[in-house]
Amino acid sequence: MNRRDFLTALAATTPALAVKGHGSAPKESGGSDSLGTVLPKRILGRTGEAVTMLGIGGYHTGWTAERDAMELVETAIEQGIRFFDTAHNYQDGESETRYGKYLVPKYRDHIFLMTKTAAGDGKSARKELETSLRRLNTDHLDLLQMHSLRDPADADSRIDNGVVDALLQARAEGKVRYIGFTGHSNPEAHLRMLERTRDTDPFDTCQMPVNAVDASYHSFSRQVIPRLRERNIGLLAMKTLADGRFFGLKTMPGRGVIWQSENPVIPGRISIRDALHFSWSLPVSVLITGAENASLVREKADFLRTFAGLSEEARAGLVARVADLAADGKVEYYKRPVGDA
């Protein structure tokens, strides 16, 4: 199956995730809650949970200025976002601590809260979970994920050293409702994790890169999404703008310019709107965005409000525009084929 036909086949499964709005219209709709209007939702795989199609990534919440982090949380809620991501090791816990100060005390009953553990063994995973719960100021998580699988050997090691067992125990104890795994280095790591756990089938979710460049080289979408759909595992999309490498310039406080390109994906090849709409056109439950200030949150929320699907021709056209950038290792710099140092 060629690239175009493959992505078309994937996209055909996307409507099954939609949450029907009020009345009989089969459109994606978030409706409202006591906090206001909610962004459109999709079903998170086997969990049956209806989650907003846009989520906030906790990495940026941890390194931005504290005042901006507080405003970011409030703006996300006001814009109708109800899914929040973070991880135990983001900024040595600062991301979780900020959620524990500004998000959880006011909004815990209205949000879907997720964190991640990069622990290499079960005992450490349990210890990290307890620390995360304390930082986040909550007695349970909606989702705990095994963080950042590097390669198949890493997947094997974490299974053999009891990390999956620790996540299952936490779920059985009610400290987490659902469990999953993440990674952006290579799809083979995800495939190994799925293969090794086929008999027990423990995972509710999986997080990985989903973007128009990924589709042409060492592709998570082409290799992993079909396996997730077979097992009804909810897909969380990250790196939808390749960690900022879609742009011609990327800077970070204290580090200056960390990426500069004379041939940027945005706006040279496609727009931000195109890039996000491409990811939402695939069977993604939540697109997790890295936003370090309120204006970026509003921008992404507006892009979701205008999303009405993409045609086969539009999807193929976006992939074709960026295909020559896929294999140079610069845009998706985080990918590491198995065997590479």
C-alpha atoms as a PDB file:
ATOM      1  CA  MET A   1       0.000   0.000   0.000  1.00  0.00           C
ATOM      2  CA  ASN A   2       1.497   3.374  -0.967  1.00  0.00           C
ATOM      3  CA  ARG A   3       1.785   6.301   1.429  1.00  0.00           C
ATOM      4  CA  ARG A   4      -1.313   8.081   0.161  1.00  0.00           C
ATOM      5  CA  ASP A   5      -3.549   5.006   0.310  1.00  0.00           C
ATOM      6  CA  PHE A   6      -2.193   4.081   3.718  1.00  0.00           C
ATOM      7  CA  LEU A   7      -2.972   7.460   5.271  1.00  0.00           C
ATOM      8  CA  THR A   8      -6.379   7.459   3.645  1.00  0.00           C
ATOM      9  CA  ALA A   9      -7.120   4.072   5.199  1.00  0.00           C
ATOM     10  CA  LEU A  10      -6.027   5.377   8.597  1.00  0.00           C
ATOM     11  CA  ALA A  11      -8.132   8.506   8.258  1.00  0.00           C
ATOM     12  CA  ALA A  12     -11.179   6.394   7.479  1.00  0.00           C
ATOM     13  CA  THR A  13     -11.115   5.130  11.077  1.00  0.00           C
ATOM     14  CA  THR A  14     -11.110   8.631  12.599  1.00  0.00           C
ATOM     15  CA  PRO A  15     -14.898   9.245  12.626  1.00  0.00           C
ATOM     16  CA  ALA A  16     -15.316   6.304  15.005  1.00  0.00           C
ATOM     17  CA  LEU A  17     -13.655   8.419  17.707  1.00  0.00           C
ATOM     18  CA  ALA A  18     -16.101  11.295  17.439  1.00  0.00           C
ATOM     19  CA  VAL A  19     -18.358  12.266  20.311  1.00  0.00           C
ATOM     20  CA  LYS A  20     -21.791  13.219  19.081  1.00  0.00           C
ATOM     21  CA  GLY A  21     -22.970  16.677  19.938  1.00  0.00           C
ATOM     22  CA  HIS A  22     -26.356  17.671  21.187  1.00  0.00           C
ATOM     23  CA  GLY A  23     -29.142  16.594  18.873  1.00  0.00           C
ATOM     24  CA  SER A  24     -28.599  14.156  16.028  1.00  0.00           C
ATOM     25  CA  ALA A  25     -25.694  15.836  14.196  1.00  0.00           C
ATOM     26  CA  PRO A  26     -22.708  13.441  14.157  1.00  0.00           C
ATOM     27  CA  LYS A  27     -20.231  16.282  14.563  1.00  0.00           C
ATOM     28  CA  GLU A  28     -17.416  16.412  17.066  1.00  0.00           C
ATOM     29  CA  SER A  29     -18.638  18.551  19.916  1.00  0.00           C
ATOM     30  CA  GLY A  30     -17.481  19.156  23.426  1.00  0.00           C
ATOM     31  CA  GLY A  31     -20.684  20.742  24.673  1.00  0.00           C
ATOM     32  CA  SER A  32     -20.233  22.522  27.987  1.00  0.00           C
ATOM     33  CA  ASP A  33     -19.668  22.000  31.690  1.00  0.00           C
ATOM     34  CA  SER A  34     -19.963  24.209  34.756  1.00  0.00           C
ATOM     35  CA  LEU A  35     -16.777  26.034  33.710  1.00  0.00           C
ATOM     36  CA  GLY A  36     -18.062  27.001  30.264  1.00  0.00           C
ATOM     37  CA  THR A  37     -17.948  25.810  26.672  1.00  0.00           C
ATOM     38  CA  VAL A  38     -15.727  22.775  26.103  1.00  0.00           C
ATOM     39  CA  LEU A  39     -13.677  22.112  22.971  1.00  0.00           C
ATOM     40  CA  PRO A  40     -14.632  19.210  20.663  1.00  0.00           C
ATOM     41  CA  LYS A  41     -14.003  15.766  22.112  1.00  0.00           C
ATOM     42  CA  ARG A  42     -13.081  12.292  20.952  1.00  0.00           C
ATOM     43  CA  ILE A  43     -13.202   8.894  22.628  1.00  0.00           C
ATOM     44  CA  LEU A  44      -9.915   7.769  24.207  1.00  0.00           C
ATOM     45  CA  GLY A  45      -9.726   4.215  22.921  1.00  0.00           C
ATOM     46  CA  ARG A  46     -10.907   1.391  25.161  1.00  0.00           C
ATOM     47  CA  THR A  47     -11.293   3.727  28.140  1.00  0.00           C
ATOM     48  CA  GLY A  48     -14.521   5.092  26.693  1.00  0.00           C
ATOM     49  CA  GLU A  49     -13.568   8.505  28.112  1.00  0.00           C
ATOM     50  CA  ALA A  50     -14.564  11.555  26.084  1.00  0.00           C
ATOM     51  CA  VAL A  51     -11.510  13.835  26.101  1.00  0.00           C
ATOM     52  CA  THR A  52     -10.877  17.195  24.464  1.00  0.00           C
ATOM     53  CA  MET A  53      -9.068  16.900  21.153  1.00  0.00           C
ATOM     54  CA  LEU A  54      -6.551  19.481  22.347  1.00  0.00           C
ATOM     55  CA  GLY A  55      -4.443  18.986  25.464  1.00  0.00           C
ATOM     56  CA  ILE A  56      -1.779  21.063  27.202  1.00  0.00           C
ATOM     57  CA  GLY A  57       1.772  19.715  27.309  1.00  0.00           C
ATOM     58  CA  GLY A  58       3.361  20.041  30.718  1.00  0.00           C
ATOM     59  CA  TYR A  59       6.961  20.477  29.574  1.00  0.00           C
ATOM     60  CA  HIS A  60       6.361  24.076  28.562  1.00  0.00           C
ATOM     61  CA  THR A  61       4.337  24.742  31.696  1.00  0.00           C
ATOM     62  CA  GLY A  62       7.421  23.899  33.730  1.00  0.00           C
ATOM     63  CA  TRP A  63      10.045  26.075  32.020  1.00  0.00           C
ATOM     64  CA  THR A  64       8.056  29.193  31.233  1.00  0.00           C
ATOM     65  CA  ALA A  65       7.817  32.017  33.789  1.00  0.00           C
ATOM     66  CA  GLU A  66       5.600  31.118  36.740  1.00  0.00           C
ATOM     67  CA  ARG A  67       3.199  33.976  36.030  1.00  0.00           C
ATOM     68  CA  ASP A  68       2.855  32.749  32.449  1.00  0.00           C
ATOM     69  CA  ALA A  69       2.276  29.193  33.679  1.00  0.00           C
ATOM     70  CA  MET A  70      -0.568  30.353  35.920  1.00  0.00           C
ATOM     71  CA  GLU A  71      -2.113  32.378  33.078  1.00  0.00           C
ATOM     72  CA  LEU A  72      -1.657  29.446  30.703  1.00  0.00           C
ATOM     73  CA  VAL A  73      -3.664  27.150  32.966  1.00  0.00           C
ATOM     74  CA  GLU A  74      -6.480  29.658  33.370  1.00  0.00           C
ATOM     75  CA  THR A  75      -6.575  30.371  29.636  1.00  0.00           C
ATOM     76  CA  ALA A  76      -6.645  26.662  28.788  1.00  0.00           C
ATOM     77  CA  ILE A  77      -9.664  26.157  31.035  1.00  0.00           C
ATOM     78  CA  GLU A  78     -11.376  29.255  29.644  1.00  0.00           C
ATOM     79  CA  GLN A  79     -10.755  28.063  26.074  1.00  0.00           C
ATOM     80  CA  GLY A  80     -12.393  24.711  26.820  1.00  0.00           C
ATOM     81  CA  ILE A  81      -9.335  22.452  27.205  1.00  0.00           C
ATOM     82  CA  ARG A  82      -9.807  19.674  29.747  1.00  0.00           C
ATOM     83  CA  PHE A  83      -6.759  17.427  29.123  1.00  0.00           C
ATOM     84  CA  PHE A  84      -3.444  18.155  30.861  1.00  0.00           C
ATOM     85  CA  ASP A  85      -0.141  16.337  30.350  1.00  0.00           C
ATOM     86  CA  THR A  86       3.025  16.429  32.442  1.00  0.00           C
ATOM     87  CA  ALA A  87       5.836  14.118  33.594  1.00  0.00           C
ATOM     88  CA  HIS A  88       7.729  13.334  36.783  1.00  0.00           C
ATOM     89  CA  ASN A  89      11.050  14.554  35.388  1.00  0.00           C
ATOM     90  CA  TYR A  90       9.975  17.780  33.686  1.00  0.00           C
ATOM     91  CA  GLN A  91      12.153  20.540  35.159  1.00  0.00           C
ATOM     92  CA  ASP A  92      12.939  18.342  38.172  1.00  0.00           C
ATOM     93  CA  GLY A  93       9.281  18.346  39.139  1.00  0.00           C
ATOM     94  CA  GLU A  94       8.473  22.011  38.557  1.00  0.00           C
ATOM     95  CA  SER A  95       5.828  21.222  35.935  1.00  0.00           C
ATOM     96  CA  GLU A  96       3.953  18.894  38.292  1.00  0.00           C
ATOM     97  CA  THR A  97       4.353  21.341  41.170  1.00  0.00           C
ATOM     98  CA  ARG A  98       2.808  24.156  39.126  1.00  0.00           C
ATOM     99  CA  TYR A  99      -0.149  22.011  38.168  1.00  0.00           C
ATOM    100  CA  GLY A 100      -0.498  21.180  41.854  1.00  0.00           C
ATOM    101  CA  LYS A 101      -0.655  24.903  42.659  1.00  0.00           C
ATOM    102  CA  TYR A 102      -2.640  26.382  39.798  1.00  0.00           C
ATOM    103  CA  LEU A 103      -4.633  23.593  38.127  1.00  0.00           C
ATOM    104  CA  VAL A 104      -5.627  20.788  40.458  1.00  0.00           C
ATOM    105  CA  PRO A 105      -7.001  22.700  43.471  1.00  0.00           C
ATOM    106  CA  LYS A 106      -9.596  24.518  41.352  1.00  0.00           C
ATOM    107  CA  TYR A 107     -10.274  22.180  38.468  1.00  0.00           C
ATOM    108  CA  ARG A 108      -9.524  18.567  39.417  1.00  0.00           C
ATOM    109  CA  ASP A 109     -13.123  17.400  39.020  1.00  0.00           C
ATOM    110  CA  HIS A 110     -13.321  18.827  35.490  1.00  0.00           C
ATOM    111  CA  ILE A 111     -10.044  17.703  33.924  1.00  0.00           C
ATOM    112  CA  PHE A 112      -8.268  14.589  32.661  1.00  0.00           C
ATOM    113  CA  LEU A 113      -4.864  14.604  34.389  1.00  0.00           C
ATOM    114  CA  MET A 114      -1.889  12.610  33.118  1.00  0.00           C
ATOM    115  CA  THR A 115       1.741  12.259  34.166  1.00  0.00           C
ATOM    116  CA  LYS A 116       4.575   9.958  33.144  1.00  0.00           C
ATOM    117  CA  THR A 117       7.402   7.988  34.738  1.00  0.00           C
ATOM    118  CA  ALA A 118      10.759   7.303  33.095  1.00  0.00           C
ATOM    119  CA  ALA A 119      11.755   4.851  35.836  1.00  0.00           C
ATOM    120  CA  GLY A 120      13.715   1.828  34.724  1.00  0.00           C
ATOM    121  CA  ASP A 121      12.383  -0.581  37.363  1.00  0.00           C
ATOM    122  CA  GLY A 122       9.181  -1.232  39.253  1.00  0.00           C
ATOM    123  CA  LYS A 123      10.368   0.005  42.652  1.00  0.00           C
ATOM    124  CA  SER A 124      11.505   3.325  41.203  1.00  0.00           C
ATOM    125  CA  ALA A 125       8.267   3.677  39.250  1.00  0.00           C
ATOM    126  CA  ARG A 126       6.265   3.277  42.451  1.00  0.00           C
ATOM    127  CA  LYS A 127       8.425   5.858  44.214  1.00  0.00           C
ATOM    128  CA  GLU A 128       8.049   8.330  41.351  1.00  0.00           C
ATOM    129  CA  LEU A 129       4.286   7.863  41.337  1.00  0.00           C
ATOM    130  CA  GLU A 130       4.010   8.718  45.020  1.00  0.00           C
ATOM    131  CA  THR A 131       6.140  11.822  44.483  1.00  0.00           C
ATOM    132  CA  SER A 132       4.063  12.866  41.475  1.00  0.00           C
ATOM    133  CA  LEU A 133       0.803  12.499  43.398  1.00  0.00           C
ATOM    134  CA  ARG A 134       2.200  14.683  46.154  1.00  0.00           C
ATOM    135  CA  ARG A 135       3.438  17.364  43.769  1.00  0.00           C
ATOM    136  CA  LEU A 136       0.180  17.343  41.813  1.00  0.00           C
ATOM    137  CA  ASN A 137      -1.842  17.668  45.000  1.00  0.00           C
ATOM    138  CA  THR A 138      -4.151  14.762  44.151  1.00  0.00           C
ATOM    139  CA  ASP A 139      -4.828  11.238  45.404  1.00  0.00           C
ATOM    140  CA  HIS A 140      -5.150   9.706  41.934  1.00  0.00           C
ATOM    141  CA  LEU A 141      -4.264  10.206  38.289  1.00  0.00           C
ATOM    142  CA  ASP A 142      -6.493   9.670  35.295  1.00  0.00           C
ATOM    143  CA  LEU A 143      -3.525   8.339  33.340  1.00  0.00           C
ATOM    144  CA  LEU A 144       0.023   7.226  34.155  1.00  0.00           C
ATOM    145  CA  GLN A 145       2.322   6.467  31.229  1.00  0.00           C
ATOM    146  CA  MET A 146       5.706   4.794  30.912  1.00  0.00           C
ATOM    147  CA  HIS A 147       7.780   7.686  29.592  1.00  0.00           C
ATOM    148  CA  SER A 148       9.993   7.921  26.511  1.00  0.00           C
ATOM    149  CA  LEU A 149      10.859   4.433  25.306  1.00  0.00           C
ATOM    150  CA  ARG A 150      14.183   4.707  23.487  1.00  0.00           C
ATOM    151  CA  ASP A 151      14.416   1.448  21.507  1.00  0.00           C
ATOM    152  CA  PRO A 152      13.314  -2.203  21.631  1.00  0.00           C
ATOM    153  CA  ALA A 153      15.998  -3.069  24.198  1.00  0.00           C
ATOM    154  CA  ASP A 154      14.658  -0.335  26.483  1.00  0.00           C
ATOM    155  CA  ALA A 155      11.143  -1.739  26.114  1.00  0.00           C
ATOM    156  CA  ASP A 156      12.436  -5.194  27.042  1.00  0.00           C
ATOM    157  CA  SER A 157      14.336  -3.847  30.035  1.00  0.00           C
ATOM    158  CA  ARG A 158      11.385  -1.994  31.509  1.00  0.00           C
ATOM    159  CA  ILE A 159       9.123  -5.005  31.146  1.00  0.00           C
ATOM    160  CA  ASP A 160      11.700  -7.375  32.617  1.00  0.00           C
ATOM    161  CA  ASN A 161      12.449  -5.007  35.512  1.00  0.00           C
ATOM    162  CA  GLY A 162       8.829  -4.701  36.601  1.00  0.00           C
ATOM    163  CA  VAL A 163       7.735  -1.293  35.343  1.00  0.00           C
ATOM    164  CA  VAL A 164       4.609  -2.614  33.619  1.00  0.00           C
ATOM    165  CA  ASP A 165       3.783  -4.620  36.758  1.00  0.00           C
ATOM    166  CA  ALA A 166       4.129  -1.464  38.860  1.00  0.00           C
ATOM    167  CA  LEU A 167       1.729   0.429  36.597  1.00  0.00           C
ATOM    168  CA  LEU A 168      -0.757  -2.433  36.767  1.00  0.00           C
ATOM    169  CA  GLN A 169      -0.509  -2.497  40.562  1.00  0.00           C
ATOM    170  CA  ALA A 170      -1.125   1.256  40.728  1.00  0.00           C
ATOM    171  CA  ARG A 171      -4.203   0.829  38.557  1.00  0.00           C
ATOM    172  CA  ALA A 172      -5.494  -2.024  40.710  1.00  0.00           C
ATOM    173  CA  GLU A 173      -5.040   0.126  43.835  1.00  0.00           C
ATOM    174  CA  GLY A 174      -6.996   3.027  42.325  1.00  0.00           C
ATOM    175  CA  LYS A 175      -4.033   5.412  42.301  1.00  0.00           C
ATOM    176  CA  VAL A 176      -4.338   5.608  38.516  1.00  0.00           C
ATOM    177  CA  ARG A 177      -7.343   4.929  36.344  1.00  0.00           C
ATOM    178  CA  TYR A 178      -5.537   4.077  33.115  1.00  0.00           C
ATOM    179  CA  ILE A 179      -1.994   3.259  31.977  1.00  0.00           C
ATOM    180  CA  GLY A 180      -0.004   3.734  28.777  1.00  0.00           C
ATOM    181  CA  PHE A 181       3.421   4.300  27.256  1.00  0.00           C
ATOM    182  CA  THR A 182       5.188   6.979  25.209  1.00  0.00           C
ATOM    183  CA  GLY A 183       8.222   7.549  23.027  1.00  0.00           C
ATOM    184  CA  HIS A 184       9.528   9.538  20.098  1.00  0.00           C
ATOM    185  CA  SER A 185      12.896   7.916  19.237  1.00  0.00           C
ATOM    186  CA  ASN A 186      11.758   5.074  17.005  1.00  0.00           C
ATOM    187  CA  PRO A 187       8.541   3.207  16.259  1.00  0.00           C
ATOM    188  CA  GLU A 188      10.273  -0.135  16.788  1.00  0.00           C
ATOM    189  CA  ALA A 189      10.284   0.545  20.525  1.00  0.00           C
ATOM    190  CA  HIS A 190       6.501   0.893  20.447  1.00  0.00           C
ATOM    191  CA  LEU A 191       6.113  -2.216  18.343  1.00  0.00           C
ATOM    192  CA  ARG A 192       8.262  -4.221  20.762  1.00  0.00           C
ATOM    193  CA  MET A 193       6.231  -3.044  23.754  1.00  0.00           C
ATOM    194  CA  LEU A 194       3.019  -4.031  21.987  1.00  0.00           C
ATOM    195  CA  GLU A 195       4.454  -7.393  20.949  1.00  0.00           C
ATOM    196  CA  ARG A 196       5.788  -8.277  24.403  1.00  0.00           C
ATOM    197  CA  THR A 197       2.470  -7.404  26.084  1.00  0.00           C
ATOM    198  CA  ARG A 198       0.118  -8.911  23.507  1.00  0.00           C
ATOM    199  CA  ASP A 199      -1.132 -11.679  25.798  1.00  0.00           C
ATOM    200  CA  THR A 200      -1.867  -9.443  28.784  1.00  0.00           C
ATOM    201  CA  ASP A 201      -2.840  -6.375  26.692  1.00  0.00           C
ATOM    202  CA  PRO A 202      -2.442  -3.958  29.629  1.00  0.00           C
ATOM    203  CA  PHE A 203      -2.285  -0.555  27.942  1.00  0.00           C
ATOM    204  CA  ASP A 204      -5.088   1.946  27.508  1.00  0.00           C
ATOM    205  CA  THR A 205      -3.095   4.641  25.701  1.00  0.00           C
ATOM    206  CA  CYS A 206      -0.002   5.328  23.624  1.00  0.00           C
ATOM    207  CA  GLN A 207       1.700   8.669  22.954  1.00  0.00           C
ATOM    208  CA  MET A 208       3.931   9.309  19.925  1.00  0.00           C
ATOM    209  CA  PRO A 209       4.803  11.771  17.124  1.00  0.00           C
ATOM    210  CA  VAL A 210       2.078  12.386  14.547  1.00  0.00           C
ATOM    211  CA  ASN A 211       2.793  14.958  11.844  1.00  0.00           C
ATOM    212  CA  ALA A 212       3.032  15.395   8.079  1.00  0.00           C
ATOM    213  CA  VAL A 213       6.822  14.872   7.985  1.00  0.00           C
ATOM    214  CA  ASP A 214       6.647  11.651  10.015  1.00  0.00           C
ATOM    215  CA  ALA A 215       4.516  10.068   7.321  1.00  0.00           C
ATOM    216  CA  SER A 216       7.476   9.819   4.905  1.00  0.00           C
ATOM    217  CA  TYR A 217      10.335   8.463   7.012  1.00  0.00           C
ATOM    218  CA  HIS A 218      10.645   5.985   9.883  1.00  0.00           C
ATOM    219  CA  SER A 219       6.984   6.639  10.419  1.00  0.00           C
ATOM    220  CA  PHE A 220       5.159   6.147  13.694  1.00  0.00           C
ATOM    221  CA  SER A 221       1.845   6.745  11.935  1.00  0.00           C
ATOM    222  CA  ARG A 222       2.397   4.095   9.278  1.00  0.00           C
ATOM    223  CA  GLN A 223       3.837   1.437  11.590  1.00  0.00           C
ATOM    224  CA  VAL A 224       2.211   1.911  14.981  1.00  0.00           C
ATOM    225  CA  ILE A 225      -1.274   3.346  14.473  1.00  0.00           C
ATOM    226  CA  PRO A 226      -2.648   0.173  12.794  1.00  0.00           C
ATOM    227  CA  ARG A 227      -1.493  -1.895  15.792  1.00  0.00           C
ATOM    228  CA  LEU A 228      -3.127   0.542  18.203  1.00  0.00           C
ATOM    229  CA  ARG A 229      -6.392   0.454  16.280  1.00  0.00           C
ATOM    230  CA  GLU A 230      -6.415  -3.366  16.366  1.00  0.00           C
ATOM    231  CA  ARG A 231      -6.328  -3.251  20.172  1.00  0.00           C
ATOM    232  CA  ASN A 232      -8.426  -0.109  20.651  1.00  0.00           C
ATOM    233  CA  ILE A 233      -5.592   1.727  22.415  1.00  0.00           C
ATOM    234  CA  GLY A 234      -6.154   5.486  22.595  1.00  0.00           C
ATOM    235  CA  LEU A 235      -3.637   7.587  20.644  1.00  0.00           C
ATOM    236  CA  LEU A 236      -2.147  10.784  22.067  1.00  0.00           C
ATOM    237  CA  ALA A 237      -0.320  12.833  19.426  1.00  0.00           C
ATOM    238  CA  MET A 238       2.833  14.766  20.276  1.00  0.00           C
ATOM    239  CA  LYS A 239       5.549  16.473  18.211  1.00  0.00           C
ATOM    240  CA  THR A 240       2.854  17.679  15.812  1.00  0.00           C
ATOM    241  CA  LEU A 241       5.164  20.628  15.013  1.00  0.00           C
ATOM    242  CA  ALA A 242       8.322  18.524  15.559  1.00  0.00           C
ATOM    243  CA  ASP A 243       9.198  20.233  18.859  1.00  0.00           C
ATOM    244  CA  GLY A 244       9.249  23.605  17.109  1.00  0.00           C
ATOM    245  CA  ARG A 245      11.499  22.433  14.250  1.00  0.00           C
ATOM    246  CA  PHE A 246       8.725  23.160  11.765  1.00  0.00           C
ATOM    247  CA  PHE A 247       9.630  26.825  12.185  1.00  0.00           C
ATOM    248  CA  GLY A 248      12.614  28.710  10.811  1.00  0.00           C
ATOM    249  CA  LEU A 249      13.813  29.758  14.258  1.00  0.00           C
ATOM    250  CA  LYS A 250      13.498  28.205  17.720  1.00  0.00           C
ATOM    251  CA  THR A 251      14.844  29.791  20.883  1.00  0.00           C
ATOM    252  CA  MET A 252      14.625  28.947  24.559  1.00  0.00           C
ATOM    253  CA  PRO A 253      15.319  31.072  27.657  1.00  0.00           C
ATOM    254  CA  GLY A 254      18.904  30.692  28.778  1.00  0.00           C
ATOM    255  CA  ARG A 255      19.846  28.700  25.676  1.00  0.00           C
ATOM    256  CA  GLY A 256      19.368  31.201  22.900  1.00  0.00           C
ATOM    257  CA  VAL A 257      18.891  29.933  19.344  1.00  0.00           C
ATOM    258  CA  ILE A 258      18.716  26.142  19.272  1.00  0.00           C
ATOM    259  CA  TRP A 259      17.382  25.718  15.734  1.00  0.00           C
ATOM    260  CA  GLN A 260      17.551  27.875  12.634  1.00  0.00           C
ATOM    261  CA  SER A 261      16.585  26.910   9.099  1.00  0.00           C
ATOM    262  CA  GLU A 262      16.465  28.662   5.753  1.00  0.00           C
ATOM    263  CA  ASN A 263      13.933  26.093   4.559  1.00  0.00           C
ATOM    264  CA  PRO A 264      11.261  25.965   7.264  1.00  0.00           C
ATOM    265  CA  VAL A 265       8.190  23.762   7.093  1.00  0.00           C
ATOM    266  CA  ILE A 266       6.152  26.719   8.407  1.00  0.00           C
ATOM    267  CA  PRO A 267       5.429  29.007   6.635  1.00  0.00           C
ATOM    268  CA  GLY A 268       7.555  27.869   3.691  1.00  0.00           C
ATOM    269  CA  ARG A 269       5.684  24.634   2.969  1.00  0.00           C
ATOM    270  CA  ILE A 270       2.514  24.522   5.073  1.00  0.00           C
ATOM    271  CA  SER A 271       0.741  26.610   7.721  1.00  0.00           C
ATOM    272  CA  ILE A 272       0.342  25.894  11.427  1.00  0.00           C
ATOM    273  CA  ARG A 273      -3.344  25.334  10.778  1.00  0.00           C
ATOM    274  CA  ASP A 274      -2.536  22.802   8.047  1.00  0.00           C
ATOM    275  CA  ALA A 275      -0.085  20.977  10.306  1.00  0.00           C
ATOM    276  CA  LEU A 276      -2.527  20.591  13.188  1.00  0.00           C
ATOM    277  CA  HIS A 277      -5.470  19.740  10.967  1.00  0.00           C
ATOM    278  CA  PHE A 278      -3.379  16.997   9.370  1.00  0.00           C
ATOM    279  CA  SER A 279      -2.806  15.365  12.753  1.00  0.00           C
ATOM    280  CA  TRP A 280      -6.458  15.669  13.756  1.00  0.00           C
ATOM    281  CA  SER A 281      -7.475  14.063  10.453  1.00  0.00           C
ATOM    282  CA  LEU A 282      -5.871  10.800  11.655  1.00  0.00           C
ATOM    283  CA  PRO A 283      -7.275   8.597  14.475  1.00  0.00           C
ATOM    284  CA  VAL A 284      -5.840  10.790  17.231  1.00  0.00           C
ATOM    285  CA  SER A 285      -7.832  11.213  20.435  1.00  0.00           C
ATOM    286  CA  VAL A 286      -5.840  14.149  21.825  1.00  0.00           C
ATOM    287  CA  LEU A 287      -3.273  16.435  20.205  1.00  0.00           C
ATOM    288  CA  ILE A 288      -0.955  17.557  23.006  1.00  0.00           C
ATOM    289  CA  THR A 289       0.437  20.992  22.307  1.00  0.00           C
ATOM    290  CA  GLY A 290       3.473  22.680  23.788  1.00  0.00           C
ATOM    291  CA  ALA A 291       2.365  26.208  24.629  1.00  0.00           C
ATOM    292  CA  GLU A 292       4.357  28.455  26.930  1.00  0.00           C
ATOM    293  CA  ASN A 293       1.937  31.371  27.023  1.00  0.00           C
ATOM    294  CA  ALA A 294      -1.750  32.175  26.838  1.00  0.00           C
ATOM    295  CA  SER A 295      -1.704  33.529  23.278  1.00  0.00           C
ATOM    296  CA  LEU A 296      -0.443  30.206  21.916  1.00  0.00           C
ATOM    297  CA  VAL A 297      -3.199  28.360  23.782  1.00  0.00           C
ATOM    298  CA  ARG A 298      -5.842  30.604  22.224  1.00  0.00           C
ATOM    299  CA  GLU A 299      -4.316  30.124  18.771  1.00  0.00           C
ATOM    300  CA  LYS A 300      -4.380  26.321  18.973  1.00  0.00           C
ATOM    301  CA  ALA A 301      -7.920  26.294  20.369  1.00  0.00           C
ATOM    302  CA  ASP A 302      -9.074  28.436  17.450  1.00  0.00           C
ATOM    303  CA  PHE A 303      -7.481  25.999  14.993  1.00  0.00           C
ATOM    304  CA  LEU A 304      -9.475  23.173  16.554  1.00  0.00           C
ATOM    305  CA  ARG A 305     -12.719  25.115  16.346  1.00  0.00           C
ATOM    306  CA  THR A 306     -12.229  25.480  12.589  1.00  0.00           C
ATOM    307  CA  PHE A 307     -11.324  21.829  12.007  1.00  0.00           C
ATOM    308  CA  ALA A 308     -13.808  20.052   9.732  1.00  0.00           C
ATOM    309  CA  GLY A 309     -11.699  17.149   8.488  1.00  0.00           C
ATOM    310  CA  LEU A 310      -9.341  16.872   5.505  1.00  0.00           C
ATOM    311  CA  SER A 311      -9.980  15.268   2.149  1.00  0.00           C
ATOM    312  CA  GLU A 312      -7.756  12.519   0.799  1.00  0.00           C
ATOM    313  CA  GLU A 313      -6.284  15.012  -1.671  1.00  0.00           C
ATOM    314  CA  ALA A 314      -5.551  17.589   1.024  1.00  0.00           C
ATOM    315  CA  ARG A 315      -3.797  15.040   3.244  1.00  0.00           C
ATOM    316  CA  ALA A 316      -1.690  13.706   0.402  1.00  0.00           C
ATOM    317  CA  GLY A 317      -0.825  17.230  -0.697  1.00  0.00           C
ATOM    318  CA  LEU A 318       0.488  18.198   2.740  1.00  0.00           C
ATOM    319  CA  VAL A 319       2.635  15.072   2.979  1.00  0.00           C
ATOM    320  CA  ALA A 320       4.047  15.662  -0.507  1.00  0.00           C
ATOM    321  CA  ARG A 321       5.008  19.253   0.305  1.00  0.00           C
ATOM    322  CA  VAL A 322       7.313  18.176   3.136  1.00  0.00           C
ATOM    323  CA  ALA A 323       8.401  14.701   2.053  1.00  0.00           C
ATOM    324  CA  ASP A 324      11.894  15.815   1.012  1.00  0.00           C
ATOM    325  CA  LEU A 325      12.552  17.081   4.556  1.00  0.00           C
ATOM    326  CA  ALA A 326      11.704  13.788   6.211  1.00  0.00           C
ATOM    327  CA  ALA A 327      14.934  11.810   6.135  1.00  0.00           C
ATOM    328  CA  ASP A 328      17.598  14.460   6.753  1.00  0.00           C
ATOM    329  CA  GLY A 329      17.444  14.062  10.543  1.00  0.00           C
ATOM    330  CA  LYS A 330      17.059  17.783  11.137  1.00  0.00           C
ATOM    331  CA  VAL A 331      13.321  18.436  11.392  1.00  0.00           C
ATOM    332  CA  GLU A 332      12.472  15.263  13.324  1.00  0.00           C
ATOM    333  CA  TYR A 333      15.849  15.339  15.068  1.00  0.00           C
ATOM    334  CA  TYR A 334      14.573  13.156  17.918  1.00  0.00           C
ATOM    335  CA  LYS A 335      14.178  10.033  15.783  1.00  0.00           C
ATOM    336  CA  ARG A 336      16.882   7.399  16.200  1.00  0.00           C
ATOM    337  CA  PRO A 337      16.670   4.323  13.949  1.00  0.00           C
ATOM    338  CA  VAL A 338      17.516   1.102  15.761  1.00  0.00           C
ATOM    339  CA  GLY A 339      21.295   0.612  15.808  1.00  0.00           C
ATOM    340  CA  ASP A 340      22.145   4.317  15.591  1.00  0.00           C
ATOM    341  CA  ALA A 341      24.184   5.850  18.389  1.00  0.00           C
END
